[in-house]
Amino acid sequence: MSDYAKDAWRKYLIQLQAHPLRTKAITAGVLAGCSDAIAQKISGVKKIQFRRLLLLMLYGLCHGGPFAHYFHKLMDALFKGKKDNTTVAKKVLLEQVTSSPWNNFLFMSYYGLVVEGRPWKLVKHKVGKDFSTIQLTAWKFWPIVGWINYQYVPLQFRVLFGSIIASCWSIYLNLKARSAVIKNA
């Protein structure tokens, strides 16, 4: 690892220790912006739509990072930091029946209402039409991520790990949302 990367990581760890919520929120926002830029390029956009990118960064900053910060603290408190297989399975199950549907619903709603500026009636229809497919796909993907996160990742890095993986998931969600826009155009 280069000296620059080591120094950046050291500074990140200092901020994570001193200001965990702020650091996780900013990290989630930056990663959300990066994933949107990638999704835009993959979907064939010629010029990056900065308004959309900034709105998705705002989503990561205001919801993604803070929600995950408090959720992981709650899970650790509920299960007293245990990492045995039974406890990890319970954590994954609880996460998948609570936060997974909530986060997918909220992202789809935010994307339609705020990012695309569509009226609630159209967003509600799209969520109703696509939510079950997205949630079923999430249940095939996120339990594995949750298992790794709860079993192997220390508490202070769980939001970072989840945010990195969520960047990939966001690319999928962005492309799914974008494909509907392209079909309707």
N, C-alpha and C. Protein backbone atom coordinates (compact mmCIF):
# COMPACT_ATOMS: atom_id res chain seq x y z
N MET A 1 0.86 -1.18 0.00
CA MET A 1 0.00 0.00 0.00
C MET A 1 0.90 1.23 0.00
N SER A 2 0.58 2.17 -0.81
CA SER A 2 1.40 3.38 -0.91
C SER A 2 1.30 4.20 0.37
N ASP A 3 2.25 5.08 0.54
CA ASP A 3 2.25 5.95 1.71
C ASP A 3 1.02 6.84 1.73
N TYR A 4 0.60 7.30 0.54
CA TYR A 4 -0.59 8.15 0.44
C TYR A 4 -1.83 7.38 0.91
N ALA A 5 -1.97 6.15 0.45
CA ALA A 5 -3.13 5.33 0.83
C ALA A 5 -3.09 5.02 2.33
N LYS A 6 -1.93 4.70 2.86
CA LYS A 6 -1.80 4.42 4.29
C LYS A 6 -2.17 5.64 5.12
N ASP A 7 -1.72 6.80 4.67
CA ASP A 7 -2.02 8.04 5.38
C ASP A 7 -3.52 8.36 5.31
N ALA A 8 -4.11 8.16 4.15
CA ALA A 8 -5.55 8.40 3.99
C ALA A 8 -6.35 7.45 4.89
N TRP A 9 -5.96 6.18 4.92
CA TRP A 9 -6.64 5.19 5.77
C TRP A 9 -6.49 5.56 7.25
N ARG A 10 -5.31 5.98 7.65
CA ARG A 10 -5.06 6.39 9.04
C ARG A 10 -5.96 7.56 9.41
N LYS A 11 -6.05 8.55 8.52
CA LYS A 11 -6.91 9.71 8.77
C LYS A 11 -8.38 9.30 8.82
N TYR A 12 -8.77 8.37 7.95
CA TYR A 12 -10.15 7.87 7.96
C TYR A 12 -10.45 7.21 9.32
N LEU A 13 -9.53 6.38 9.79
CA LEU A 13 -9.73 5.70 11.08
C LEU A 13 -9.83 6.68 12.24
N ILE A 14 -9.05 7.74 12.18
CA ILE A 14 -9.11 8.78 13.22
C ILE A 14 -10.49 9.43 13.20
N GLN A 15 -10.97 9.78 12.00
CA GLN A 15 -12.31 10.40 11.89
C GLN A 15 -13.40 9.42 12.32
N LEU A 16 -13.25 8.16 11.96
CA LEU A 16 -14.22 7.13 12.34
C LEU A 16 -14.30 7.00 13.85
N GLN A 17 -13.17 7.08 14.50
CA GLN A 17 -13.13 7.00 15.97
C GLN A 17 -13.70 8.26 16.62
N ALA A 18 -13.31 9.42 16.11
CA ALA A 18 -13.73 10.69 16.71
C ALA A 18 -15.18 11.06 16.37
N HIS A 19 -15.59 10.79 15.14
CA HIS A 19 -16.93 11.19 14.66
C HIS A 19 -17.55 10.05 13.85
N PRO A 20 -17.95 8.96 14.52
CA PRO A 20 -18.40 7.78 13.76
C PRO A 20 -19.62 8.03 12.88
N LEU A 21 -20.63 8.70 13.39
CA LEU A 21 -21.84 8.93 12.59
C LEU A 21 -21.55 9.80 11.38
N ARG A 22 -20.87 10.91 11.60
CA ARG A 22 -20.55 11.82 10.50
C ARG A 22 -19.69 11.12 9.44
N THR A 23 -18.69 10.37 9.88
CA THR A 23 -17.79 9.69 8.95
C THR A 23 -18.54 8.65 8.13
N LYS A 24 -19.40 7.89 8.78
CA LYS A 24 -20.17 6.86 8.07
C LYS A 24 -21.17 7.50 7.10
N ALA A 25 -21.77 8.61 7.50
CA ALA A 25 -22.72 9.30 6.63
C ALA A 25 -22.02 9.85 5.38
N ILE A 26 -20.88 10.50 5.58
CA ILE A 26 -20.13 11.05 4.44
C ILE A 26 -19.65 9.92 3.53
N THR A 27 -19.14 8.86 4.12
CA THR A 27 -18.68 7.72 3.34
C THR A 27 -19.81 7.14 2.50
N ALA A 28 -20.98 6.95 3.11
CA ALA A 28 -22.13 6.41 2.38
C ALA A 28 -22.55 7.35 1.26
N GLY A 29 -22.50 8.65 1.51
CA GLY A 29 -22.85 9.62 0.48
C GLY A 29 -21.89 9.59 -0.69
N VAL A 30 -20.61 9.56 -0.41
CA VAL A 30 -19.60 9.52 -1.47
C VAL A 30 -19.74 8.23 -2.29
N LEU A 31 -19.92 7.11 -1.60
CA LEU A 31 -20.06 5.84 -2.32
C LEU A 31 -21.35 5.81 -3.15
N ALA A 32 -22.42 6.41 -2.64
CA ALA A 32 -23.67 6.49 -3.41
C ALA A 32 -23.45 7.31 -4.68
N GLY A 33 -22.71 8.40 -4.57
CA GLY A 33 -22.40 9.21 -5.75
C GLY A 33 -21.55 8.46 -6.75
N CYS A 34 -20.56 7.75 -6.26
CA CYS A 34 -19.70 6.95 -7.16
C CYS A 34 -20.52 5.87 -7.87
N SER A 35 -21.38 5.19 -7.13
CA SER A 35 -22.18 4.13 -7.76
C SER A 35 -23.13 4.72 -8.79
N ASP A 36 -23.67 5.91 -8.54
CA ASP A 36 -24.55 6.52 -9.53
C ASP A 36 -23.78 6.91 -10.78
N ALA A 37 -22.60 7.45 -10.62
CA ALA A 37 -21.78 7.81 -11.79
C ALA A 37 -21.50 6.57 -12.63
N ILE A 38 -21.19 5.46 -11.97
CA ILE A 38 -20.94 4.20 -12.68
C ILE A 38 -22.21 3.73 -13.38
N ALA A 39 -23.33 3.77 -12.66
CA ALA A 39 -24.61 3.35 -13.26
C ALA A 39 -24.97 4.21 -14.46
N GLN A 40 -24.73 5.50 -14.35
CA GLN A 40 -25.03 6.39 -15.49
C GLN A 40 -24.17 6.02 -16.70
N LYS A 41 -22.90 5.78 -16.46
CA LYS A 41 -22.00 5.43 -17.57
C LYS A 41 -22.38 4.08 -18.18
N ILE A 42 -22.71 3.11 -17.33
CA ILE A 42 -23.10 1.79 -17.84
C ILE A 42 -24.37 1.89 -18.67
N SER A 43 -25.30 2.74 -18.23
CA SER A 43 -26.58 2.85 -18.94
C SER A 43 -26.46 3.68 -20.22
N GLY A 44 -25.27 4.22 -20.51
CA GLY A 44 -25.05 4.89 -21.78
C GLY A 44 -25.25 6.39 -21.77
N VAL A 45 -25.35 7.00 -20.61
CA VAL A 45 -25.50 8.45 -20.53
C VAL A 45 -24.21 9.09 -21.05
N LYS A 46 -24.36 10.05 -21.96
CA LYS A 46 -23.20 10.71 -22.55
C LYS A 46 -22.54 11.69 -21.57
N LYS A 47 -23.38 12.43 -20.85
CA LYS A 47 -22.89 13.43 -19.90
C LYS A 47 -23.50 13.13 -18.54
N ILE A 48 -22.65 13.03 -17.52
CA ILE A 48 -23.12 12.72 -16.16
C ILE A 48 -24.15 13.75 -15.72
N GLN A 49 -25.25 13.28 -15.20
CA GLN A 49 -26.31 14.15 -14.68
C GLN A 49 -25.97 14.46 -13.22
N PHE A 50 -25.38 15.62 -12.99
CA PHE A 50 -24.88 15.96 -11.66
C PHE A 50 -25.99 16.18 -10.64
N ARG A 51 -27.13 16.66 -11.07
CA ARG A 51 -28.25 16.83 -10.14
C ARG A 51 -28.64 15.47 -9.56
N ARG A 52 -28.79 14.49 -10.43
CA ARG A 52 -29.15 13.13 -10.00
C ARG A 52 -28.06 12.58 -9.08
N LEU A 53 -26.80 12.74 -9.48
CA LEU A 53 -25.69 12.25 -8.68
C LEU A 53 -25.70 12.88 -7.28
N LEU A 54 -25.90 14.20 -7.22
CA LEU A 54 -25.93 14.89 -5.92
C LEU A 54 -27.12 14.45 -5.07
N LEU A 55 -28.27 14.22 -5.71
CA LEU A 55 -29.44 13.76 -4.96
C LEU A 55 -29.22 12.36 -4.39
N LEU A 56 -28.52 11.52 -5.12
CA LEU A 56 -28.23 10.19 -4.59
C LEU A 56 -27.15 10.25 -3.52
N MET A 57 -26.22 11.17 -3.65
CA MET A 57 -25.24 11.38 -2.57
C MET A 57 -25.97 11.84 -1.31
N LEU A 58 -26.94 12.72 -1.48
CA LEU A 58 -27.73 13.21 -0.35
C LEU A 58 -28.46 12.05 0.33
N TYR A 59 -29.00 11.13 -0.46
CA TYR A 59 -29.67 9.96 0.08
C TYR A 59 -28.71 9.14 0.95
N GLY A 60 -27.51 8.88 0.43
CA GLY A 60 -26.52 8.13 1.20
C GLY A 60 -26.11 8.86 2.47
N LEU A 61 -25.91 10.17 2.34
CA LEU A 61 -25.51 11.00 3.47
C LEU A 61 -26.57 11.07 4.56
N CYS A 62 -27.82 11.28 4.15
CA CYS A 62 -28.90 11.50 5.13
C CYS A 62 -29.60 10.23 5.58
N HIS A 63 -29.59 9.20 4.74
CA HIS A 63 -30.26 7.96 5.15
C HIS A 63 -29.31 6.77 5.24
N GLY A 64 -28.60 6.47 4.17
CA GLY A 64 -27.80 5.25 4.12
C GLY A 64 -26.83 5.10 5.27
N GLY A 65 -25.96 6.07 5.45
CA GLY A 65 -24.97 6.01 6.52
C GLY A 65 -25.58 6.06 7.91
N PRO A 66 -26.42 7.06 8.19
CA PRO A 66 -27.01 7.14 9.54
C PRO A 66 -27.89 5.93 9.90
N PHE A 67 -28.72 5.49 8.96
CA PHE A 67 -29.59 4.34 9.24
C PHE A 67 -28.74 3.12 9.58
N ALA A 68 -27.74 2.84 8.76
CA ALA A 68 -26.88 1.67 8.99
C ALA A 68 -26.11 1.81 10.30
N HIS A 69 -25.64 3.01 10.62
CA HIS A 69 -24.91 3.24 11.87
C HIS A 69 -25.77 2.82 13.07
N TYR A 70 -26.98 3.35 13.13
CA TYR A 70 -27.85 3.04 14.26
C TYR A 70 -28.37 1.62 14.22
N PHE A 71 -28.62 1.10 13.02
CA PHE A 71 -29.11 -0.28 12.91
C PHE A 71 -28.08 -1.26 13.43
N HIS A 72 -26.82 -1.09 13.05
CA HIS A 72 -25.78 -2.02 13.51
C HIS A 72 -25.52 -1.88 15.01
N LYS A 73 -25.62 -0.66 15.52
CA LYS A 73 -25.49 -0.49 16.97
C LYS A 73 -26.62 -1.21 17.70
N LEU A 74 -27.84 -1.09 17.17
CA LEU A 74 -28.99 -1.77 17.76
C LEU A 74 -28.81 -3.29 17.70
N MET A 75 -28.40 -3.80 16.56
CA MET A 75 -28.21 -5.25 16.42
C MET A 75 -27.15 -5.75 17.39
N ASP A 76 -26.08 -4.99 17.53
CA ASP A 76 -25.02 -5.40 18.46
C ASP A 76 -25.52 -5.39 19.90
N ALA A 77 -26.35 -4.40 20.23
CA ALA A 77 -26.91 -4.34 21.59
C ALA A 77 -27.92 -5.46 21.82
N LEU A 78 -28.78 -5.72 20.84
CA LEU A 78 -29.78 -6.78 20.98
C LEU A 78 -29.14 -8.15 21.15
N PHE A 79 -28.07 -8.40 20.43
CA PHE A 79 -27.44 -9.71 20.45
C PHE A 79 -26.12 -9.71 21.21
N LYS A 80 -25.87 -8.65 21.94
CA LYS A 80 -24.72 -8.52 22.84
C LYS A 80 -23.38 -8.90 22.18
N GLY A 81 -23.24 -8.53 20.89
CA GLY A 81 -21.97 -8.73 20.19
C GLY A 81 -21.62 -10.16 19.88
N LYS A 82 -22.53 -11.10 20.09
CA LYS A 82 -22.23 -12.51 19.84
C LYS A 82 -22.04 -12.77 18.34
N LYS A 83 -21.17 -13.75 18.03
CA LYS A 83 -20.89 -14.08 16.63
C LYS A 83 -21.01 -15.56 16.34
N ASP A 84 -21.65 -16.32 17.22
CA ASP A 84 -21.84 -17.74 16.93
C ASP A 84 -22.82 -17.88 15.76
N ASN A 85 -22.82 -19.03 15.11
CA ASN A 85 -23.62 -19.22 13.90
C ASN A 85 -25.11 -18.99 14.12
N THR A 86 -25.64 -19.43 15.25
CA THR A 86 -27.07 -19.24 15.52
C THR A 86 -27.41 -17.76 15.65
N THR A 87 -26.57 -17.02 16.36
CA THR A 87 -26.81 -15.60 16.55
C THR A 87 -26.68 -14.85 15.23
N VAL A 88 -25.66 -15.18 14.45
CA VAL A 88 -25.48 -14.53 13.16
C VAL A 88 -26.68 -14.81 12.26
N ALA A 89 -27.18 -16.04 12.28
CA ALA A 89 -28.37 -16.38 11.48
C ALA A 89 -29.57 -15.55 11.93
N LYS A 90 -29.73 -15.36 13.23
CA LYS A 90 -30.83 -14.54 13.75
C LYS A 90 -30.68 -13.08 13.31
N LYS A 91 -29.46 -12.57 13.37
CA LYS A 91 -29.21 -11.19 12.93
C LYS A 91 -29.56 -11.02 11.45
N VAL A 92 -29.09 -11.96 10.63
CA VAL A 92 -29.36 -11.88 9.19
C VAL A 92 -30.86 -11.95 8.93
N LEU A 93 -31.55 -12.87 9.60
CA LEU A 93 -32.99 -13.00 9.42
C LEU A 93 -33.72 -11.72 9.83
N LEU A 94 -33.37 -11.19 11.00
CA LEU A 94 -34.00 -9.96 11.47
C LEU A 94 -33.75 -8.80 10.50
N GLU A 95 -32.52 -8.69 10.03
CA GLU A 95 -32.18 -7.64 9.07
C GLU A 95 -33.00 -7.78 7.79
N GLN A 96 -33.15 -9.02 7.32
CA GLN A 96 -33.84 -9.24 6.05
C GLN A 96 -35.35 -9.03 6.11
N VAL A 97 -35.93 -9.20 7.29
CA VAL A 97 -37.39 -8.98 7.38
C VAL A 97 -37.73 -7.56 7.84
N THR A 98 -36.74 -6.80 8.29
CA THR A 98 -37.01 -5.43 8.74
C THR A 98 -36.36 -4.40 7.83
N SER A 99 -35.06 -4.28 7.91
CA SER A 99 -34.39 -3.18 7.20
C SER A 99 -34.33 -3.38 5.69
N SER A 100 -34.24 -4.60 5.22
CA SER A 100 -34.15 -4.82 3.78
C SER A 100 -35.39 -4.31 3.03
N PRO A 101 -36.60 -4.74 3.41
CA PRO A 101 -37.77 -4.19 2.71
C PRO A 101 -37.90 -2.68 2.87
N TRP A 102 -37.63 -2.18 4.09
CA TRP A 102 -37.73 -0.75 4.33
C TRP A 102 -36.78 0.03 3.42
N ASN A 103 -35.51 -0.39 3.37
CA ASN A 103 -34.53 0.32 2.56
C ASN A 103 -34.85 0.26 1.08
N ASN A 104 -35.32 -0.86 0.59
CA ASN A 104 -35.67 -0.95 -0.83
C ASN A 104 -36.89 -0.09 -1.15
N PHE A 105 -37.90 -0.12 -0.28
CA PHE A 105 -39.08 0.73 -0.49
C PHE A 105 -38.68 2.21 -0.47
N LEU A 106 -37.88 2.59 0.52
CA LEU A 106 -37.49 3.99 0.65
C LEU A 106 -36.65 4.45 -0.55
N PHE A 107 -35.72 3.61 -0.98
CA PHE A 107 -34.89 3.98 -2.13
C PHE A 107 -35.75 4.15 -3.38
N MET A 108 -36.64 3.20 -3.63
CA MET A 108 -37.50 3.28 -4.81
C MET A 108 -38.38 4.53 -4.76
N SER A 109 -38.91 4.84 -3.60
CA SER A 109 -39.76 6.02 -3.45
C SER A 109 -38.96 7.30 -3.63
N TYR A 110 -37.81 7.38 -2.98
CA TYR A 110 -36.94 8.55 -3.10
C TYR A 110 -36.52 8.75 -4.55
N TYR A 111 -36.12 7.67 -5.20
CA TYR A 111 -35.67 7.77 -6.58
C TYR A 111 -36.77 8.33 -7.47
N GLY A 112 -37.97 7.80 -7.32
CA GLY A 112 -39.08 8.26 -8.16
C GLY A 112 -39.52 9.67 -7.84
N LEU A 113 -39.70 9.97 -6.54
CA LEU A 113 -40.21 11.28 -6.14
C LEU A 113 -39.18 12.39 -6.27
N VAL A 114 -37.99 12.15 -5.76
CA VAL A 114 -36.99 13.21 -5.67
C VAL A 114 -36.06 13.24 -6.89
N VAL A 115 -35.48 12.10 -7.21
CA VAL A 115 -34.50 12.07 -8.30
C VAL A 115 -35.17 12.29 -9.65
N GLU A 116 -36.26 11.55 -9.90
CA GLU A 116 -36.95 11.69 -11.19
C GLU A 116 -38.02 12.77 -11.16
N GLY A 117 -38.46 13.19 -9.98
CA GLY A 117 -39.48 14.24 -9.86
C GLY A 117 -40.86 13.81 -10.33
N ARG A 118 -41.15 12.54 -10.19
CA ARG A 118 -42.46 12.02 -10.62
C ARG A 118 -43.50 12.22 -9.52
N PRO A 119 -44.77 12.31 -9.89
CA PRO A 119 -45.82 12.43 -8.88
C PRO A 119 -45.99 11.11 -8.11
N TRP A 120 -46.49 11.22 -6.88
CA TRP A 120 -46.65 10.07 -5.99
C TRP A 120 -47.45 8.95 -6.65
N LYS A 121 -48.47 9.28 -7.41
CA LYS A 121 -49.31 8.27 -8.04
C LYS A 121 -48.49 7.36 -8.96
N LEU A 122 -47.61 7.95 -9.77
CA LEU A 122 -46.76 7.15 -10.66
C LEU A 122 -45.72 6.36 -9.89
N VAL A 123 -45.15 6.99 -8.86
CA VAL A 123 -44.15 6.31 -8.03
C VAL A 123 -44.79 5.12 -7.31
N LYS A 124 -45.96 5.35 -6.77
CA LYS A 124 -46.68 4.29 -6.05
C LYS A 124 -46.95 3.11 -6.99
N HIS A 125 -47.35 3.40 -8.23
CA HIS A 125 -47.59 2.35 -9.21
C HIS A 125 -46.30 1.57 -9.50
N LYS A 126 -45.19 2.30 -9.72
CA LYS A 126 -43.91 1.65 -10.02
C LYS A 126 -43.43 0.81 -8.85
N VAL A 127 -43.54 1.34 -7.65
CA VAL A 127 -43.13 0.58 -6.47
C VAL A 127 -43.98 -0.68 -6.36
N GLY A 128 -45.29 -0.53 -6.55
CA GLY A 128 -46.18 -1.69 -6.49
C GLY A 128 -45.85 -2.74 -7.53
N LYS A 129 -45.44 -2.29 -8.69
CA LYS A 129 -45.13 -3.20 -9.80
C LYS A 129 -43.76 -3.88 -9.61
N ASP A 130 -42.75 -3.14 -9.16
CA ASP A 130 -41.38 -3.65 -9.13
C ASP A 130 -40.86 -4.09 -7.77
N PHE A 131 -41.55 -3.70 -6.68
CA PHE A 131 -40.99 -3.95 -5.35
C PHE A 131 -40.75 -5.43 -5.09
N SER A 132 -41.72 -6.28 -5.41
CA SER A 132 -41.56 -7.70 -5.08
C SER A 132 -40.37 -8.31 -5.82
N THR A 133 -40.16 -7.95 -7.07
CA THR A 133 -39.02 -8.47 -7.83
C THR A 133 -37.70 -8.01 -7.21
N ILE A 134 -37.64 -6.73 -6.88
CA ILE A 134 -36.42 -6.19 -6.28
C ILE A 134 -36.17 -6.82 -4.92
N GLN A 135 -37.22 -6.96 -4.11
CA GLN A 135 -37.05 -7.54 -2.78
C GLN A 135 -36.64 -9.01 -2.86
N LEU A 136 -37.22 -9.76 -3.76
CA LEU A 136 -36.82 -11.16 -3.92
C LEU A 136 -35.36 -11.27 -4.36
N THR A 137 -34.95 -10.39 -5.25
CA THR A 137 -33.54 -10.36 -5.65
C THR A 137 -32.66 -10.00 -4.46
N ALA A 138 -33.12 -9.04 -3.67
CA ALA A 138 -32.36 -8.65 -2.47
C ALA A 138 -32.19 -9.84 -1.53
N TRP A 139 -33.23 -10.62 -1.38
CA TRP A 139 -33.17 -11.77 -0.46
C TRP A 139 -32.26 -12.89 -0.98
N LYS A 140 -31.90 -12.83 -2.24
CA LYS A 140 -30.93 -13.79 -2.78
C LYS A 140 -29.50 -13.31 -2.58
N PHE A 141 -29.34 -11.99 -2.44
CA PHE A 141 -28.01 -11.36 -2.41
C PHE A 141 -27.59 -10.94 -1.00
N TRP A 142 -28.44 -10.18 -0.32
CA TRP A 142 -28.06 -9.54 0.94
C TRP A 142 -27.86 -10.48 2.12
N PRO A 143 -28.52 -11.62 2.22
CA PRO A 143 -28.22 -12.50 3.35
C PRO A 143 -26.76 -12.96 3.39
N ILE A 144 -26.17 -13.18 2.22
CA ILE A 144 -24.76 -13.57 2.16
C ILE A 144 -23.89 -12.42 2.67
N VAL A 145 -24.21 -11.22 2.21
CA VAL A 145 -23.48 -10.03 2.65
C VAL A 145 -23.64 -9.85 4.16
N GLY A 146 -24.88 -10.00 4.64
CA GLY A 146 -25.14 -9.87 6.08
C GLY A 146 -24.37 -10.89 6.89
N TRP A 147 -24.33 -12.13 6.41
CA TRP A 147 -23.60 -13.18 7.13
C TRP A 147 -22.12 -12.81 7.25
N ILE A 148 -21.52 -12.40 6.15
CA ILE A 148 -20.10 -12.01 6.18
C ILE A 148 -19.92 -10.82 7.12
N ASN A 149 -20.81 -9.84 7.02
CA ASN A 149 -20.69 -8.63 7.83
C ASN A 149 -20.77 -8.95 9.32
N TYR A 150 -21.77 -9.73 9.72
CA TYR A 150 -21.95 -10.03 11.15
C TYR A 150 -20.92 -11.03 11.68
N GLN A 151 -20.47 -11.91 10.84
CA GLN A 151 -19.55 -12.96 11.29
C GLN A 151 -18.09 -12.48 11.33
N TYR A 152 -17.69 -11.66 10.36
CA TYR A 152 -16.27 -11.38 10.20
C TYR A 152 -15.86 -9.91 10.32
N VAL A 153 -16.79 -8.99 10.14
CA VAL A 153 -16.43 -7.57 10.11
C VAL A 153 -16.64 -6.95 11.49
N PRO A 154 -15.62 -6.28 12.03
CA PRO A 154 -15.80 -5.60 13.32
C PRO A 154 -16.88 -4.52 13.23
N LEU A 155 -17.57 -4.28 14.33
CA LEU A 155 -18.71 -3.36 14.38
C LEU A 155 -18.39 -2.01 13.73
N GLN A 156 -17.24 -1.42 14.02
CA GLN A 156 -16.94 -0.09 13.50
C GLN A 156 -16.78 -0.05 11.99
N PHE A 157 -16.57 -1.22 11.35
CA PHE A 157 -16.41 -1.26 9.90
C PHE A 157 -17.62 -1.83 9.16
N ARG A 158 -18.67 -2.20 9.87
CA ARG A 158 -19.83 -2.83 9.22
C ARG A 158 -20.54 -1.87 8.27
N VAL A 159 -20.64 -0.61 8.65
CA VAL A 159 -21.30 0.35 7.76
C VAL A 159 -20.44 0.58 6.51
N LEU A 160 -19.15 0.67 6.67
CA LEU A 160 -18.25 0.83 5.52
C LEU A 160 -18.38 -0.37 4.58
N PHE A 161 -18.31 -1.57 5.13
CA PHE A 161 -18.45 -2.78 4.31
C PHE A 161 -19.81 -2.80 3.61
N GLY A 162 -20.85 -2.54 4.36
CA GLY A 162 -22.19 -2.52 3.78
C GLY A 162 -22.35 -1.44 2.73
N SER A 163 -21.74 -0.28 2.97
CA SER A 163 -21.83 0.82 2.00
C SER A 163 -21.12 0.48 0.70
N ILE A 164 -20.00 -0.21 0.81
CA ILE A 164 -19.28 -0.61 -0.41
C ILE A 164 -20.13 -1.60 -1.21
N ILE A 165 -20.70 -2.58 -0.53
CA ILE A 165 -21.55 -3.55 -1.21
C ILE A 165 -22.83 -2.87 -1.71
N ALA A 166 -23.36 -1.95 -0.91
CA ALA A 166 -24.57 -1.22 -1.31
C ALA A 166 -24.33 -0.39 -2.57
N SER A 167 -23.10 0.03 -2.80
CA SER A 167 -22.78 0.75 -4.03
C SER A 167 -23.06 -0.13 -5.24
N CYS A 168 -22.69 -1.39 -5.14
CA CYS A 168 -22.98 -2.33 -6.23
C CYS A 168 -24.48 -2.56 -6.34
N TRP A 169 -25.15 -2.72 -5.21
CA TRP A 169 -26.61 -2.90 -5.21
C TRP A 169 -27.29 -1.67 -5.80
N SER A 170 -26.80 -0.49 -5.48
CA SER A 170 -27.38 0.75 -6.01
C SER A 170 -27.24 0.83 -7.52
N ILE A 171 -26.13 0.32 -8.03
CA ILE A 171 -25.97 0.29 -9.49
C ILE A 171 -27.09 -0.56 -10.08
N TYR A 172 -27.35 -1.72 -9.48
CA TYR A 172 -28.44 -2.58 -9.94
C TYR A 172 -29.78 -1.83 -9.86
N LEU A 173 -30.07 -1.21 -8.71
CA LEU A 173 -31.34 -0.49 -8.56
C LEU A 173 -31.46 0.68 -9.53
N ASN A 174 -30.37 1.42 -9.71
CA ASN A 174 -30.37 2.54 -10.66
C ASN A 174 -30.65 2.06 -12.07
N LEU A 175 -29.98 0.98 -12.46
CA LEU A 175 -30.18 0.46 -13.81
C LEU A 175 -31.60 -0.09 -13.97
N LYS A 176 -32.13 -0.71 -12.93
CA LYS A 176 -33.51 -1.21 -12.96
C LYS A 176 -34.47 -0.03 -13.12
N ALA A 177 -34.26 1.02 -12.34
CA ALA A 177 -35.12 2.20 -12.44
C ALA A 177 -34.96 2.88 -13.79
N ARG A 178 -33.75 2.96 -14.27
CA ARG A 178 -33.47 3.61 -15.55
C ARG A 178 -34.06 2.83 -16.71
N SER A 179 -34.05 1.50 -16.63
CA SER A 179 -34.58 0.69 -17.74
C SER A 179 -36.07 0.98 -17.93
N ALA A 180 -36.78 1.23 -16.83
CA ALA A 180 -38.21 1.56 -16.95
C ALA A 180 -38.38 2.91 -17.63
N VAL A 181 -37.51 3.86 -17.32
CA VAL A 181 -37.59 5.19 -17.94
C VAL A 181 -37.32 5.08 -19.43
N ILE A 182 -36.31 4.30 -19.80
CA ILE A 182 -35.93 4.14 -21.22
C ILE A 182 -37.08 3.45 -21.98
N LYS A 183 -37.69 2.42 -21.36
CA LYS A 183 -38.80 1.71 -22.01
C LYS A 183 -39.97 2.64 -22.27
N ASN A 184 -40.20 3.57 -21.33
CA ASN A 184 -41.34 4.49 -21.44
C ASN A 184 -41.05 5.66 -22.37
N ALA A 185 -39.78 5.87 -22.72
CA ALA A 185 -39.42 7.02 -23.56
C ALA A 185 -39.75 6.79 -25.02
